[in-house]
PDB file of N, CA and C in Angstrom:
ATOM      1  N   MET A   1      25.366  16.929   2.481  1.00  0.00           N
ATOM      2  CA  MET A   1      24.966  15.532   2.434  1.00  0.00           C
ATOM      3  C   MET A   1      24.159  15.195   3.681  1.00  0.00           C
ATOM      4  N   SER A   2      23.299  14.193   3.522  1.00  0.00           N
ATOM      5  CA  SER A   2      22.513  13.719   4.653  1.00  0.00           C
ATOM      6  C   SER A   2      22.349  12.204   4.550  1.00  0.00           C
ATOM      7  N   GLU A   3      21.903  11.615   5.631  1.00  0.00           N
ATOM      8  CA  GLU A   3      21.658  10.179   5.662  1.00  0.00           C
ATOM      9  C   GLU A   3      20.249   9.911   6.155  1.00  0.00           C
ATOM     10  N   ARG A   4      19.644   8.867   5.601  1.00  0.00           N
ATOM     11  CA  ARG A   4      18.359   8.386   6.089  1.00  0.00           C
ATOM     12  C   ARG A   4      18.514   6.910   6.400  1.00  0.00           C
ATOM     13  N   LYS A   5      17.914   6.496   7.510  1.00  0.00           N
ATOM     14  CA  LYS A   5      18.023   5.103   7.935  1.00  0.00           C
ATOM     15  C   LYS A   5      16.652   4.439   7.883  1.00  0.00           C
ATOM     16  N   PHE A   6      16.648   3.176   7.434  1.00  0.00           N
ATOM     17  CA  PHE A   6      15.423   2.390   7.300  1.00  0.00           C
ATOM     18  C   PHE A   6      15.680   0.971   7.784  1.00  0.00           C
ATOM     19  N   ILE A   7      14.612   0.300   8.139  1.00  0.00           N
ATOM     20  CA  ILE A   7      14.635  -1.148   8.306  1.00  0.00           C
ATOM     21  C   ILE A   7      13.961  -1.699   7.060  1.00  0.00           C
ATOM     22  N   CYS A   8      14.653  -2.541   6.335  1.00  0.00           N
ATOM     23  CA  CYS A   8      14.116  -3.108   5.103  1.00  0.00           C
ATOM     24  C   CYS A   8      13.021  -4.112   5.434  1.00  0.00           C
ATOM     25  N   VAL A   9      11.919  -4.035   4.711  1.00  0.00           N
ATOM     26  CA  VAL A   9      10.801  -4.962   4.910  1.00  0.00           C
ATOM     27  C   VAL A   9      10.572  -5.826   3.672  1.00  0.00           C
ATOM     28  N   SER A  10      11.539  -5.871   2.765  1.00  0.00           N
ATOM     29  CA  SER A  10      11.394  -6.653   1.540  1.00  0.00           C
ATOM     30  C   SER A  10      11.500  -8.148   1.772  1.00  0.00           C
ATOM     31  N   CYS A  11      12.192  -8.546   2.834  1.00  0.00           N
ATOM     32  CA  CYS A  11      12.315  -9.965   3.158  1.00  0.00           C
ATOM     33  C   CYS A  11      12.390 -10.103   4.675  1.00  0.00           C
ATOM     34  N   PRO A  12      12.368 -11.304   5.213  1.00  0.00           N
ATOM     35  CA  PRO A  12      12.345 -11.488   6.675  1.00  0.00           C
ATOM     36  C   PRO A  12      13.613 -11.067   7.422  1.00  0.00           C
ATOM     37  N   LEU A  13      14.709 -10.781   6.721  1.00  0.00           N
ATOM     38  CA  LEU A  13      15.953 -10.437   7.412  1.00  0.00           C
ATOM     39  C   LEU A  13      15.884  -9.113   8.168  1.00  0.00           C
ATOM     40  N   GLY A  14      15.178  -8.130   7.637  1.00  0.00           N
ATOM     41  CA  GLY A  14      15.047  -6.839   8.320  1.00  0.00           C
ATOM     42  C   GLY A  14      16.362  -6.090   8.430  1.00  0.00           C
ATOM     43  N   CYS A  15      17.077  -5.984   7.349  1.00  0.00           N
ATOM     44  CA  CYS A  15      18.387  -5.310   7.348  1.00  0.00           C
ATOM     45  C   CYS A  15      18.244  -3.825   7.701  1.00  0.00           C
ATOM     46  N   GLY A  16      19.226  -3.308   8.413  1.00  0.00           N
ATOM     47  CA  GLY A  16      19.291  -1.880   8.688  1.00  0.00           C
ATOM     48  C   GLY A  16      19.962  -1.186   7.520  1.00  0.00           C
ATOM     49  N   LEU A  17      19.234  -0.334   6.833  1.00  0.00           N
ATOM     50  CA  LEU A  17      19.749   0.344   5.639  1.00  0.00           C
ATOM     51  C   LEU A  17      20.109   1.785   5.955  1.00  0.00           C
ATOM     52  N   THR A  18      21.188   2.249   5.350  1.00  0.00           N
ATOM     53  CA  THR A  18      21.578   3.646   5.423  1.00  0.00           C
ATOM     54  C   THR A  18      21.675   4.175   4.000  1.00  0.00           C
ATOM     55  N   VAL A  19      20.929   5.235   3.710  1.00  0.00           N
ATOM     56  CA  VAL A  19      20.935   5.856   2.390  1.00  0.00           C
ATOM     57  C   VAL A  19      21.612   7.211   2.525  1.00  0.00           C
ATOM     58  N   THR A  20      22.646   7.423   1.736  1.00  0.00           N
ATOM     59  CA  THR A  20      23.362   8.697   1.724  1.00  0.00           C
ATOM     60  C   THR A  20      22.844   9.523   0.558  1.00  0.00           C
ATOM     61  N   LEU A  21      22.428  10.762   0.864  1.00  0.00           N
ATOM     62  CA  LEU A  21      21.857  11.670  -0.134  1.00  0.00           C
ATOM     63  C   LEU A  21      22.741  12.896  -0.286  1.00  0.00           C
ATOM     64  N   ASP A  22      22.792  13.439  -1.502  1.00  0.00           N
ATOM     65  CA  ASP A  22      23.502  14.705  -1.684  1.00  0.00           C
ATOM     66  C   ASP A  22      22.572  15.851  -1.296  1.00  0.00           C
ATOM     67  N   ASP A  23      23.011  17.084  -1.508  1.00  0.00           N
ATOM     68  CA  ASP A  23      22.229  18.257  -1.096  1.00  0.00           C
ATOM     69  C   ASP A  23      20.936  18.427  -1.898  1.00  0.00           C
ATOM     70  N   ASN A  24      20.831  17.755  -3.054  1.00  0.00           N
ATOM     71  CA  ASN A  24      19.612  17.817  -3.880  1.00  0.00           C
ATOM     72  C   ASN A  24      18.743  16.581  -3.705  1.00  0.00           C
ATOM     73  N   ASP A  25      18.986  15.813  -2.634  1.00  0.00           N
ATOM     74  CA  ASP A  25      18.258  14.582  -2.329  1.00  0.00           C
ATOM     75  C   ASP A  25      18.425  13.495  -3.388  1.00  0.00           C
ATOM     76  N   ASN A  26      19.525  13.519  -4.111  1.00  0.00           N
ATOM     77  CA  ASN A  26      19.856  12.428  -5.020  1.00  0.00           C
ATOM     78  C   ASN A  26      20.574  11.349  -4.218  1.00  0.00           C
ATOM     79  N   ILE A  27      20.270  10.104  -4.485  1.00  0.00           N
ATOM     80  CA  ILE A  27      20.866   8.985  -3.751  1.00  0.00           C
ATOM     81  C   ILE A  27      22.299   8.762  -4.235  1.00  0.00           C
ATOM     82  N   LEU A  28      23.223   8.818  -3.285  1.00  0.00           N
ATOM     83  CA  LEU A  28      24.624   8.559  -3.601  1.00  0.00           C
ATOM     84  C   LEU A  28      24.990   7.105  -3.364  1.00  0.00           C
ATOM     85  N   LYS A  29      24.507   6.537  -2.246  1.00  0.00           N
ATOM     86  CA  LYS A  29      24.782   5.125  -1.991  1.00  0.00           C
ATOM     87  C   LYS A  29      23.783   4.566  -0.987  1.00  0.00           C
ATOM     88  N   VAL A  30      23.642   3.252  -1.057  1.00  0.00           N
ATOM     89  CA  VAL A  30      22.803   2.498  -0.138  1.00  0.00           C
ATOM     90  C   VAL A  30      23.689   1.447   0.507  1.00  0.00           C
ATOM     91  N   GLU A  31      23.658   1.383   1.837  1.00  0.00           N
ATOM     92  CA  GLU A  31      24.494   0.429   2.568  1.00  0.00           C
ATOM     93  C   GLU A  31      23.646  -0.360   3.557  1.00  0.00           C
ATOM     94  N   GLY A  32      24.120  -1.557   3.885  1.00  0.00           N
ATOM     95  CA  GLY A  32      23.478  -2.367   4.906  1.00  0.00           C
ATOM     96  C   GLY A  32      22.598  -3.483   4.382  1.00  0.00           C
ATOM     97  N   ASN A  33      22.318  -3.474   3.095  1.00  0.00           N
ATOM     98  CA  ASN A  33      21.464  -4.518   2.534  1.00  0.00           C
ATOM     99  C   ASN A  33      22.280  -5.784   2.265  1.00  0.00           C
ATOM    100  N   THR A  34      21.647  -6.932   2.520  1.00  0.00           N
ATOM    101  CA  THR A  34      22.314  -8.204   2.239  1.00  0.00           C
ATOM    102  C   THR A  34      21.785  -8.852   0.962  1.00  0.00           C
ATOM    103  N   CYS A  35      20.772  -8.248   0.350  1.00  0.00           N
ATOM    104  CA  CYS A  35      20.262  -8.753  -0.931  1.00  0.00           C
ATOM    105  C   CYS A  35      19.892  -7.562  -1.814  1.00  0.00           C
ATOM    106  N   PRO A  36      19.744  -7.782  -3.116  1.00  0.00           N
ATOM    107  CA  PRO A  36      19.417  -6.676  -4.032  1.00  0.00           C
ATOM    108  C   PRO A  36      18.073  -6.016  -3.735  1.00  0.00           C
ATOM    109  N   ARG A  37      17.145  -6.771  -3.120  1.00  0.00           N
ATOM    110  CA  ARG A  37      15.838  -6.176  -2.817  1.00  0.00           C
ATOM    111  C   ARG A  37      15.964  -5.025  -1.830  1.00  0.00           C
ATOM    112  N   GLY A  38      16.956  -5.091  -0.955  1.00  0.00           N
ATOM    113  CA  GLY A  38      17.163  -4.025   0.021  1.00  0.00           C
ATOM    114  C   GLY A  38      17.496  -2.701  -0.637  1.00  0.00           C
ATOM    115  N   GLU A  39      18.363  -2.745  -1.625  1.00  0.00           N
ATOM    116  CA  GLU A  39      18.713  -1.513  -2.329  1.00  0.00           C
ATOM    117  C   GLU A  39      17.505  -0.956  -3.072  1.00  0.00           C
ATOM    118  N   SER A  40      16.753  -1.832  -3.711  1.00  0.00           N
ATOM    119  CA  SER A  40      15.553  -1.407  -4.431  1.00  0.00           C
ATOM    120  C   SER A  40      14.538  -0.785  -3.464  1.00  0.00           C
ATOM    121  N   TYR A  41      14.344  -1.429  -2.307  1.00  0.00           N
ATOM    122  CA  TYR A  41      13.412  -0.910  -1.297  1.00  0.00           C
ATOM    123  C   TYR A  41      13.855   0.477  -0.825  1.00  0.00           C
ATOM    124  N   ALA A  42      15.135   0.631  -0.519  1.00  0.00           N
ATOM    125  CA  ALA A  42      15.642   1.913  -0.024  1.00  0.00           C
ATOM    126  C   ALA A  42      15.433   3.025  -1.050  1.00  0.00           C
ATOM    127  N   ARG A  43      15.733   2.736  -2.302  1.00  0.00           N
ATOM    128  CA  ARG A  43      15.559   3.745  -3.356  1.00  0.00           C
ATOM    129  C   ARG A  43      14.082   4.137  -3.483  1.00  0.00           C
ATOM    130  N   SER A  44      13.212   3.158  -3.435  1.00  0.00           N
ATOM    131  CA  SER A  44      11.779   3.430  -3.512  1.00  0.00           C
ATOM    132  C   SER A  44      11.301   4.229  -2.300  1.00  0.00           C
ATOM    133  N   GLU A  45      11.771   3.865  -1.123  1.00  0.00           N
ATOM    134  CA  GLU A  45      11.336   4.534   0.108  1.00  0.00           C
ATOM    135  C   GLU A  45      11.759   6.006   0.137  1.00  0.00           C
ATOM    136  N   VAL A  46      12.889   6.318  -0.462  1.00  0.00           N
ATOM    137  CA  VAL A  46      13.359   7.703  -0.507  1.00  0.00           C
ATOM    138  C   VAL A  46      12.608   8.503  -1.569  1.00  0.00           C
ATOM    139  N   LYS A  47      12.443   7.924  -2.744  1.00  0.00           N
ATOM    140  CA  LYS A  47      11.878   8.676  -3.876  1.00  0.00           C
ATOM    141  C   LYS A  47      10.355   8.613  -3.983  1.00  0.00           C
ATOM    142  N   ASP A  48       9.753   7.463  -3.676  1.00  0.00           N
ATOM    143  CA  ASP A  48       8.307   7.301  -3.859  1.00  0.00           C
ATOM    144  C   ASP A  48       7.783   6.254  -2.877  1.00  0.00           C
ATOM    145  N   PRO A  49       7.691   6.600  -1.583  1.00  0.00           N
ATOM    146  CA  PRO A  49       7.240   5.604  -0.606  1.00  0.00           C
ATOM    147  C   PRO A  49       5.799   5.170  -0.871  1.00  0.00           C
ATOM    148  N   ARG A  50       5.573   3.854  -0.801  1.00  0.00           N
ATOM    149  CA  ARG A  50       4.263   3.283  -1.065  1.00  0.00           C
ATOM    150  C   ARG A  50       3.930   2.256  -0.003  1.00  0.00           C
ATOM    151  N   ARG A  51       2.623   2.058   0.222  1.00  0.00           N
ATOM    152  CA  ARG A  51       2.142   1.090   1.195  1.00  0.00           C
ATOM    153  C   ARG A  51       0.900   0.399   0.643  1.00  0.00           C
ATOM    154  N   VAL A  52       0.706  -0.855   1.022  1.00  0.00           N
ATOM    155  CA  VAL A  52      -0.543  -1.536   0.718  1.00  0.00           C
ATOM    156  C   VAL A  52      -1.585  -1.004   1.700  1.00  0.00           C
ATOM    157  N   PHE A  53      -2.741  -0.640   1.186  1.00  0.00           N
ATOM    158  CA  PHE A  53      -3.825  -0.125   2.010  1.00  0.00           C
ATOM    159  C   PHE A  53      -4.798  -1.262   2.286  1.00  0.00           C
ATOM    160  N   ALA A  54      -5.219  -1.424   3.531  1.00  0.00           N
ATOM    161  CA  ALA A  54      -6.191  -2.455   3.886  1.00  0.00           C
ATOM    162  C   ALA A  54      -7.220  -1.870   4.852  1.00  0.00           C
ATOM    163  N   SER A  55      -8.462  -2.278   4.676  1.00  0.00           N
ATOM    164  CA  SER A  55      -9.539  -1.797   5.536  1.00  0.00           C
ATOM    165  C   SER A  55     -10.756  -2.704   5.327  1.00  0.00           C
ATOM    166  N   THR A  56     -11.939  -2.188   5.651  1.00  0.00           N
ATOM    167  CA  THR A  56     -13.194  -2.876   5.378  1.00  0.00           C
ATOM    168  C   THR A  56     -14.174  -1.875   4.784  1.00  0.00           C
ATOM    169  N   VAL A  57     -15.171  -2.401   4.073  1.00  0.00           N
ATOM    170  CA  VAL A  57     -16.256  -1.562   3.555  1.00  0.00           C
ATOM    171  C   VAL A  57     -17.585  -2.157   3.983  1.00  0.00           C
ATOM    172  N   ARG A  58     -18.590  -1.308   4.105  1.00  0.00           N
ATOM    173  CA  ARG A  58     -19.935  -1.759   4.454  1.00  0.00           C
ATOM    174  C   ARG A  58     -20.555  -2.504   3.273  1.00  0.00           C
ATOM    175  N   VAL A  59     -21.352  -3.533   3.612  1.00  0.00           N
ATOM    176  CA  VAL A  59     -21.996  -4.351   2.582  1.00  0.00           C
ATOM    177  C   VAL A  59     -23.500  -4.371   2.829  1.00  0.00           C
ATOM    178  N   ARG A  60     -24.268  -4.078   1.778  1.00  0.00           N
ATOM    179  CA  ARG A  60     -25.731  -4.174   1.829  1.00  0.00           C
ATOM    180  C   ARG A  60     -26.137  -5.567   1.366  1.00  0.00           C
ATOM    181  N   GLY A  61     -26.971  -6.233   2.172  1.00  0.00           N
ATOM    182  CA  GLY A  61     -27.523  -7.518   1.770  1.00  0.00           C
ATOM    183  C   GLY A  61     -26.557  -8.685   1.830  1.00  0.00           C
ATOM    184  N   GLY A  62     -25.509  -8.556   2.611  1.00  0.00           N
ATOM    185  CA  GLY A  62     -24.535  -9.634   2.697  1.00  0.00           C
ATOM    186  C   GLY A  62     -24.685 -10.468   3.955  1.00  0.00           C
ATOM    187  N   LYS A  63     -24.078 -11.643   3.963  1.00  0.00           N
ATOM    188  CA  LYS A  63     -24.106 -12.495   5.156  1.00  0.00           C
ATOM    189  C   LYS A  63     -23.316 -11.870   6.294  1.00  0.00           C
ATOM    190  N   LEU A  64     -22.419 -10.961   5.967  1.00  0.00           N
ATOM    191  CA  LEU A  64     -21.673 -10.176   6.956  1.00  0.00           C
ATOM    192  C   LEU A  64     -21.892  -8.700   6.659  1.00  0.00           C
ATOM    193  N   PRO A  65     -21.791  -7.837   7.672  1.00  0.00           N
ATOM    194  CA  PRO A  65     -22.045  -6.408   7.440  1.00  0.00           C
ATOM    195  C   PRO A  65     -20.889  -5.667   6.760  1.00  0.00           C
ATOM    196  N   VAL A  66     -19.691  -6.250   6.788  1.00  0.00           N
ATOM    197  CA  VAL A  66     -18.536  -5.610   6.165  1.00  0.00           C
ATOM    198  C   VAL A  66     -17.726  -6.643   5.389  1.00  0.00           C
ATOM    199  N   CYS A  67     -16.921  -6.147   4.463  1.00  0.00           N
ATOM    200  CA  CYS A  67     -16.042  -6.996   3.656  1.00  0.00           C
ATOM    201  C   CYS A  67     -14.630  -6.421   3.726  1.00  0.00           C
ATOM    202  N   PRO A  68     -13.618  -7.260   3.960  1.00  0.00           N
ATOM    203  CA  PRO A  68     -12.251  -6.758   3.952  1.00  0.00           C
ATOM    204  C   PRO A  68     -11.822  -6.382   2.530  1.00  0.00           C
ATOM    205  N   ILE A  69     -11.056  -5.312   2.440  1.00  0.00           N
ATOM    206  CA  ILE A  69     -10.571  -4.825   1.144  1.00  0.00           C
ATOM    207  C   ILE A  69      -9.086  -4.492   1.278  1.00  0.00           C
ATOM    208  N   ARG A  70      -8.437  -4.316   0.124  1.00  0.00           N
ATOM    209  CA  ARG A  70      -7.038  -3.882   0.107  1.00  0.00           C
ATOM    210  C   ARG A  70      -6.753  -3.234  -1.236  1.00  0.00           C
ATOM    211  N   SER A  71      -5.632  -2.552  -1.299  1.00  0.00           N
ATOM    212  CA  SER A  71      -5.210  -2.007  -2.582  1.00  0.00           C
ATOM    213  C   SER A  71      -4.584  -3.135  -3.395  1.00  0.00           C
ATOM    214  N   LYS A  72      -4.866  -3.149  -4.684  1.00  0.00           N
ATOM    215  CA  LYS A  72      -4.339  -4.206  -5.550  1.00  0.00           C
ATOM    216  C   LYS A  72      -2.820  -4.092  -5.667  1.00  0.00           C
ATOM    217  N   THR A  73      -2.326  -2.885  -5.650  1.00  0.00           N
ATOM    218  CA  THR A  73      -0.890  -2.602  -5.668  1.00  0.00           C
ATOM    219  C   THR A  73      -0.620  -1.557  -4.578  1.00  0.00           C
ATOM    220  N   PRO A  74       0.614  -1.399  -4.151  1.00  0.00           N
ATOM    221  CA  PRO A  74       0.894  -0.372  -3.137  1.00  0.00           C
ATOM    222  C   PRO A  74       0.518   1.028  -3.627  1.00  0.00           C
ATOM    223  N   ALA A  75      -0.026   1.811  -2.716  1.00  0.00           N
ATOM    224  CA  ALA A  75      -0.466   3.174  -3.016  1.00  0.00           C
ATOM    225  C   ALA A  75       0.547   4.180  -2.471  1.00  0.00           C
ATOM    226  N   PRO A  76       0.586   5.379  -3.053  1.00  0.00           N
ATOM    227  CA  PRO A  76       1.497   6.404  -2.525  1.00  0.00           C
ATOM    228  C   PRO A  76       1.206   6.683  -1.052  1.00  0.00           C
ATOM    229  N   LYS A  77       2.242   6.670  -0.243  1.00  0.00           N
ATOM    230  CA  LYS A  77       2.094   6.849   1.203  1.00  0.00           C
ATOM    231  C   LYS A  77       1.384   8.159   1.548  1.00  0.00           C
ATOM    232  N   GLY A  78       1.662   9.206   0.812  1.00  0.00           N
ATOM    233  CA  GLY A  78       1.060  10.509   1.063  1.00  0.00           C
ATOM    234  C   GLY A  78      -0.434  10.582   0.765  1.00  0.00           C
ATOM    235  N   LYS A  79      -0.979   9.587   0.089  1.00  0.00           N
ATOM    236  CA  LYS A  79      -2.398   9.581  -0.276  1.00  0.00           C
ATOM    237  C   LYS A  79      -3.234   8.650   0.616  1.00  0.00           C
ATOM    238  N   LEU A  80      -2.623   7.986   1.592  1.00  0.00           N
ATOM    239  CA  LEU A  80      -3.344   6.977   2.368  1.00  0.00           C
ATOM    240  C   LEU A  80      -4.536   7.539   3.131  1.00  0.00           C
ATOM    241  N   PHE A  81      -4.427   8.718   3.722  1.00  0.00           N
ATOM    242  CA  PHE A  81      -5.562   9.292   4.450  1.00  0.00           C
ATOM    243  C   PHE A  81      -6.688   9.664   3.492  1.00  0.00           C
ATOM    244  N   GLU A  82      -6.349  10.168   2.330  1.00  0.00           N
ATOM    245  CA  GLU A  82      -7.356  10.498   1.319  1.00  0.00           C
ATOM    246  C   GLU A  82      -8.059   9.217   0.832  1.00  0.00           C
ATOM    247  N   ILE A  83      -7.291   8.154   0.647  1.00  0.00           N
ATOM    248  CA  ILE A  83      -7.867   6.868   0.248  1.00  0.00           C
ATOM    249  C   ILE A  83      -8.788   6.352   1.353  1.00  0.00           C
ATOM    250  N   ALA A  84      -8.363   6.475   2.602  1.00  0.00           N
ATOM    251  CA  ALA A  84      -9.192   6.020   3.736  1.00  0.00           C
ATOM    252  C   ALA A  84     -10.530   6.756   3.761  1.00  0.00           C
ATOM    253  N   ARG A  85     -10.525   8.065   3.479  1.00  0.00           N
ATOM    254  CA  ARG A  85     -11.778   8.826   3.446  1.00  0.00           C
ATOM    255  C   ARG A  85     -12.681   8.346   2.306  1.00  0.00           C
ATOM    256  N   ALA A  86     -12.100   8.051   1.149  1.00  0.00           N
ATOM    257  CA  ALA A  86     -12.883   7.569   0.011  1.00  0.00           C
ATOM    258  C   ALA A  86     -13.487   6.201   0.318  1.00  0.00           C
ATOM    259  N   VAL A  87     -12.716   5.328   0.943  1.00  0.00           N
ATOM    260  CA  VAL A  87     -13.197   3.993   1.285  1.00  0.00           C
ATOM    261  C   VAL A  87     -14.286   4.072   2.363  1.00  0.00           C
ATOM    262  N   ALA A  88     -14.166   4.998   3.293  1.00  0.00           N
ATOM    263  CA  ALA A  88     -15.153   5.141   4.366  1.00  0.00           C
ATOM    264  C   ALA A  88     -16.533   5.508   3.819  1.00  0.00           C
ATOM    265  N   GLU A  89     -16.574   6.155   2.675  1.00  0.00           N
ATOM    266  CA  GLU A  89     -17.845   6.548   2.061  1.00  0.00           C
ATOM    267  C   GLU A  89     -18.454   5.428   1.212  1.00  0.00           C
ATOM    268  N   LEU A  90     -17.701   4.384   0.965  1.00  0.00           N
ATOM    269  CA  LEU A  90     -18.127   3.321   0.068  1.00  0.00           C
ATOM    270  C   LEU A  90     -19.044   2.323   0.769  1.00  0.00           C
ATOM    271  N   GLU A  91     -20.119   1.945   0.101  1.00  0.00           N
ATOM    272  CA  GLU A  91     -20.989   0.860   0.548  1.00  0.00           C
ATOM    273  C   GLU A  91     -21.308   0.037  -0.689  1.00  0.00           C
ATOM    274  N   ILE A  92     -21.112  -1.277  -0.596  1.00  0.00           N
ATOM    275  CA  ILE A  92     -21.271  -2.142  -1.758  1.00  0.00           C
ATOM    276  C   ILE A  92     -22.418  -3.121  -1.555  1.00  0.00           C
ATOM    277  N   ASP A  93     -22.904  -3.682  -2.650  1.00  0.00           N
ATOM    278  CA  ASP A  93     -23.977  -4.674  -2.607  1.00  0.00           C
ATOM    279  C   ASP A  93     -23.394  -6.076  -2.701  1.00  0.00           C
ATOM    280  N   ALA A  94     -23.956  -6.992  -1.907  1.00  0.00           N
ATOM    281  CA  ALA A  94     -23.577  -8.398  -1.997  1.00  0.00           C
ATOM    282  C   ALA A  94     -24.269  -8.983  -3.221  1.00  0.00           C
ATOM    283  N   PRO A  95     -23.747 -10.018  -3.826  1.00  0.00           N
ATOM    284  CA  PRO A  95     -22.555 -10.770  -3.466  1.00  0.00           C
ATOM    285  C   PRO A  95     -21.281 -10.062  -3.929  1.00  0.00           C
ATOM    286  N   VAL A  96     -20.169 -10.412  -3.278  1.00  0.00           N
ATOM    287  CA  VAL A  96     -18.862  -9.844  -3.595  1.00  0.00           C
ATOM    288  C   VAL A  96     -17.912 -11.000  -3.880  1.00  0.00           C
ATOM    289  N   LYS A  97     -17.091 -10.862  -4.898  1.00  0.00           N
ATOM    290  CA  LYS A  97     -16.101 -11.880  -5.252  1.00  0.00           C
ATOM    291  C   LYS A  97     -14.704 -11.382  -4.900  1.00  0.00           C
ATOM    292  N   ILE A  98     -13.877 -12.271  -4.389  1.00  0.00           N
ATOM    293  CA  ILE A  98     -12.506 -11.912  -4.065  1.00  0.00           C
ATOM    294  C   ILE A  98     -11.819 -11.375  -5.318  1.00  0.00           C
ATOM    295  N   GLY A  99     -11.093 -10.281  -5.171  1.00  0.00           N
ATOM    296  CA  GLY A  99     -10.417  -9.653  -6.301  1.00  0.00           C
ATOM    297  C   GLY A  99     -11.280  -8.687  -7.092  1.00  0.00           C
ATOM    298  N   GLN A 100     -12.580  -8.611  -6.774  1.00  0.00           N
ATOM    299  CA  GLN A 100     -13.487  -7.697  -7.468  1.00  0.00           C
ATOM    300  C   GLN A 100     -13.048  -6.257  -7.231  1.00  0.00           C
ATOM    301  N   VAL A 101     -12.929  -5.477  -8.289  1.00  0.00           N
ATOM    302  CA  VAL A 101     -12.544  -4.072  -8.155  1.00  0.00           C
ATOM    303  C   VAL A 101     -13.732  -3.294  -7.604  1.00  0.00           C
ATOM    304  N   LEU A 102     -13.523  -2.652  -6.461  1.00  0.00           N
ATOM    305  CA  LEU A 102     -14.583  -1.881  -5.806  1.00  0.00           C
ATOM    306  C   LEU A 102     -14.426  -0.384  -6.044  1.00  0.00           C
ATOM    307  N   LEU A 103     -13.199   0.068  -6.164  1.00  0.00           N
ATOM    308  CA  LEU A 103     -12.894   1.467  -6.512  1.00  0.00           C
ATOM    309  C   LEU A 103     -11.746   1.445  -7.510  1.00  0.00           C
ATOM    310  N   HIS A 104     -12.008   1.934  -8.706  1.00  0.00           N
ATOM    311  CA  HIS A 104     -10.976   1.987  -9.741  1.00  0.00           C
ATOM    312  C   HIS A 104     -10.225   3.314  -9.641  1.00  0.00           C
ATOM    313  N   ASN A 105      -8.917   3.275  -9.751  1.00  0.00           N
ATOM    314  CA  ASN A 105      -8.087   4.489  -9.749  1.00  0.00           C
ATOM    315  C   ASN A 105      -8.429   5.394  -8.562  1.00  0.00           C
ATOM    316  N   VAL A 106      -8.432   4.824  -7.370  1.00  0.00           N
ATOM    317  CA  VAL A 106      -8.838   5.552  -6.172  1.00  0.00           C
ATOM    318  C   VAL A 106      -8.004   6.822  -5.991  1.00  0.00           C
ATOM    319  N   CYS A 107      -8.680   7.931  -5.839  1.00  0.00           N
ATOM    320  CA  CYS A 107      -8.067   9.241  -5.588  1.00  0.00           C
ATOM    321  C   CYS A 107      -7.004   9.605  -6.629  1.00  0.00           C
ATOM    322  N   GLY A 108      -7.185   9.139  -7.862  1.00  0.00           N
ATOM    323  CA  GLY A 108      -6.261   9.472  -8.942  1.00  0.00           C
ATOM    324  C   GLY A 108      -4.878   8.863  -8.785  1.00  0.00           C
ATOM    325  N   THR A 109      -4.770   7.776  -8.042  1.00  0.00           N
ATOM    326  CA  THR A 109      -3.460   7.167  -7.764  1.00  0.00           C
ATOM    327  C   THR A 109      -3.076   6.069  -8.740  1.00  0.00           C
ATOM    328  N   ASP A 110      -3.984   5.676  -9.640  1.00  0.00           N
ATOM    329  CA  ASP A 110      -3.771   4.550 -10.549  1.00  0.00           C
ATOM    330  C   ASP A 110      -3.756   3.221  -9.799  1.00  0.00           C
ATOM    331  N   VAL A 111      -4.341   3.208  -8.597  1.00  0.00           N
ATOM    332  CA  VAL A 111      -4.417   2.019  -7.752  1.00  0.00           C
ATOM    333  C   VAL A 111      -5.891   1.643  -7.594  1.00  0.00           C
ATOM    334  N   ASP A 112      -6.183   0.356  -7.739  1.00  0.00           N
ATOM    335  CA  ASP A 112      -7.544  -0.133  -7.551  1.00  0.00           C
ATOM    336  C   ASP A 112      -7.708  -0.707  -6.149  1.00  0.00           C
ATOM    337  N   ILE A 113      -8.894  -0.523  -5.581  1.00  0.00           N
ATOM    338  CA  ILE A 113      -9.258  -1.143  -4.308  1.00  0.00           C
ATOM    339  C   ILE A 113     -10.080  -2.385  -4.644  1.00  0.00           C
ATOM    340  N   VAL A 114      -9.661  -3.540  -4.090  1.00  0.00           N
ATOM    341  CA  VAL A 114     -10.304  -4.804  -4.411  1.00  0.00           C
ATOM    342  C   VAL A 114     -10.787  -5.512  -3.143  1.00  0.00           C
ATOM    343  N   ALA A 115     -11.760  -6.395  -3.316  1.00  0.00           N
ATOM    344  CA  ALA A 115     -12.271  -7.209  -2.210  1.00  0.00           C
ATOM    345  C   ALA A 115     -11.228  -8.266  -1.850  1.00  0.00           C
ATOM    346  N   SER A 116     -11.083  -8.530  -0.556  1.00  0.00           N
ATOM    347  CA  SER A 116     -10.111  -9.514  -0.072  1.00  0.00           C
ATOM    348  C   SER A 116     -10.740 -10.869   0.222  1.00  0.00           C
ATOM    349  N   ARG A 117     -12.054 -11.000   0.030  1.00  0.00           N
ATOM    350  CA  ARG A 117     -12.721 -12.287   0.255  1.00  0.00           C
ATOM    351  C   ARG A 117     -14.038 -12.318  -0.506  1.00  0.00           C
ATOM    352  N   ASP A 118     -14.541 -13.524  -0.692  1.00  0.00           N
ATOM    353  CA  ASP A 118     -15.888 -13.693  -1.238  1.00  0.00           C
ATOM    354  C   ASP A 118     -16.879 -13.407  -0.126  1.00  0.00           C
ATOM    355  N   LEU A 119     -18.000 -12.816  -0.468  1.00  0.00           N
ATOM    356  CA  LEU A 119     -19.049 -12.558   0.517  1.00  0.00           C
ATOM    357  C   LEU A 119     -20.400 -12.783  -0.168  1.00  0.00           C
ATOM    358  N   ALA A 120     -21.115 -13.794   0.315  1.00  0.00           N
ATOM    359  CA  ALA A 120     -22.400 -14.162  -0.272  1.00  0.00           C
ATOM    360  C   ALA A 120     -23.506 -13.217   0.167  1.00  0.00           C
ATOM    361  N   ALA A 121     -24.550 -13.178  -0.627  1.00  0.00           N
ATOM    362  CA  ALA A 121     -25.750 -12.418  -0.265  1.00  0.00           C
ATOM    363  C   ALA A 121     -26.584 -13.241   0.699  1.00  0.00           C
ATOM    364  N   ILE A 122     -27.438 -12.567   1.422  1.00  0.00           N
ATOM    365  CA  ILE A 122     -28.324 -13.253   2.367  1.00  0.00           C
ATOM    366  C   ILE A 122     -29.319 -14.099   1.628  1.00  0.00           C
TER     367      ILE A 122
END
């Protein structure tokens, strides 16, 4: 058996979570959470950790040279560097609308990269 410890980020409380795993990395119990979201977060963090990706992309013909972007849903943590490389190669044309999909299914993750703001053309 082993234990993994986390700070829950599902709500502002920041509970200290302890996850007990068997020898096959199956979750036996989750302790320390004060709400159900803590248990859900711990299970997700052990089995399939995900993070929201945020960055900027270059814009051609826009009032600003870059536009902030983010993943529409959390992306697999292990793919974040690959996603960053894909986003670094991206250059988009103005105008841009908030929520506009800029990269569909980035790096085969089933996650879309979207614009985080409107950006007008010059």
